[in-house]
Amino acid sequence: MTIHTGSSETTREAFVFNFHRYFKITSKKITRQDKNFLEWFIGFSEGDGHFGLVKFPTAKNPNNQRPKFIINQNEPQVLFKIKKKLGFGTVICIEVKKKPQKYYRYTVSKLKDIQLLIELFNGNLILKKTRQRFYNWVTCFKTLLNQQKSVTHKFQLTETPLKTLLLDSIMFDSAWLAGFTDAEGGFYASLSMNMRYKLGLRLRVKYYLRQKHELDVLKDIDKQVYTRALNRIPANQQEKEHKNRAKMGENGRVKIVSKKENIYSLEIHYFKHLEELIRYFDTYPLLTQKKIMYIRWKRIIIGRNVFKQSALISEKSLTCYKNLVASIGKVHY
């Protein structure tokens, strides 16, 4: 088994998810629905998953560690869905001491199940930091199996060049971004007073992704949304779009949240670009409660002109419009 992780050499190539070994080991018949879920799960895991190493001392090896995979969530439904789809793992409720709150944890700790996750994640991870953690995790797994002498087949940890992945095939042809958004993204809208507009209110809508490090990935996602939207515009209007984008600059879309901690936020505001995201999320649905926020956000974008016309002639319609926006953001008076 070749573990795809890093040296300093960088190559650049299109990326395709490969679940052949995973399906072969699980003896499952490959369906598009199964592949969509696994792509979503990888994106979700790269956002909220944890490749943990816990202490597992023995008499001969007091510094031993054992691999464990963990996802913490406030909502249990998505964790039970993951458990059911994968067919392994446990979900428990954890109550925070001295606080009236709790959260839920999905855990995989059995070595036979860890091996299945290795087959699933290997070669399919996008983020550089995740791939490095995964490599350390697999190294721990291999060491533990060798100590226990229960290896059914040897794992070959062949170090291969770290690949800078193009997201062309991921952005619109897989569910990875849906899973990553369920973990790290969000949908927002706001209304603020501005008498230059008919209603005296200005609507702002955005999609955002926040991530520590991984600036290149955020820029690639932004680029793919822009390229997709540009291709729908007549050729004689594309130059104008290029100029508008150049004026805005990269800093207008990818912002530094914390320079010290290397935290960045991709924010997409332009309606034509948001409509591309709607096409994507309608094809690859969200699986957490964020889907409720998305449905409201989509309704605001798609129906914005109808809402405005109705609000001009009816106080009740205006109130409904404000309430819808407030349900996913803020209304400033």
Foldseek 3Di string as FASTA:
>chain_A
DEFEAADPDEDEDAADADLPVLCVVVVDDDDPVLQQVLLLVLLLCVQFKDFDWAQDADPVRHRATATKIKGKAADCPVLVVVCVSLVDWDKDKADDPPDRGIIMMTMDGDLVVVVSVCSSPGRPHQDNVVSVSSLVSVVSSQVVCVVVVPDPDHDDHDYDHHYNYQCLCPQQPHLSVLNNCLRFKAKAKEWEAQCVDPVSIDIWIKIKGKDAPPPVVLVNNVVNLLVVLLVVDPPVCSVVVVVVDVVCDPCNAKPQPDPVRRMIMGMDTDLSSVVSVVVRCVVSPHDDPSSVVVVLRVCCSVCVVVLVVVVSPDVVSVVVNQVSNVVRYYYYD
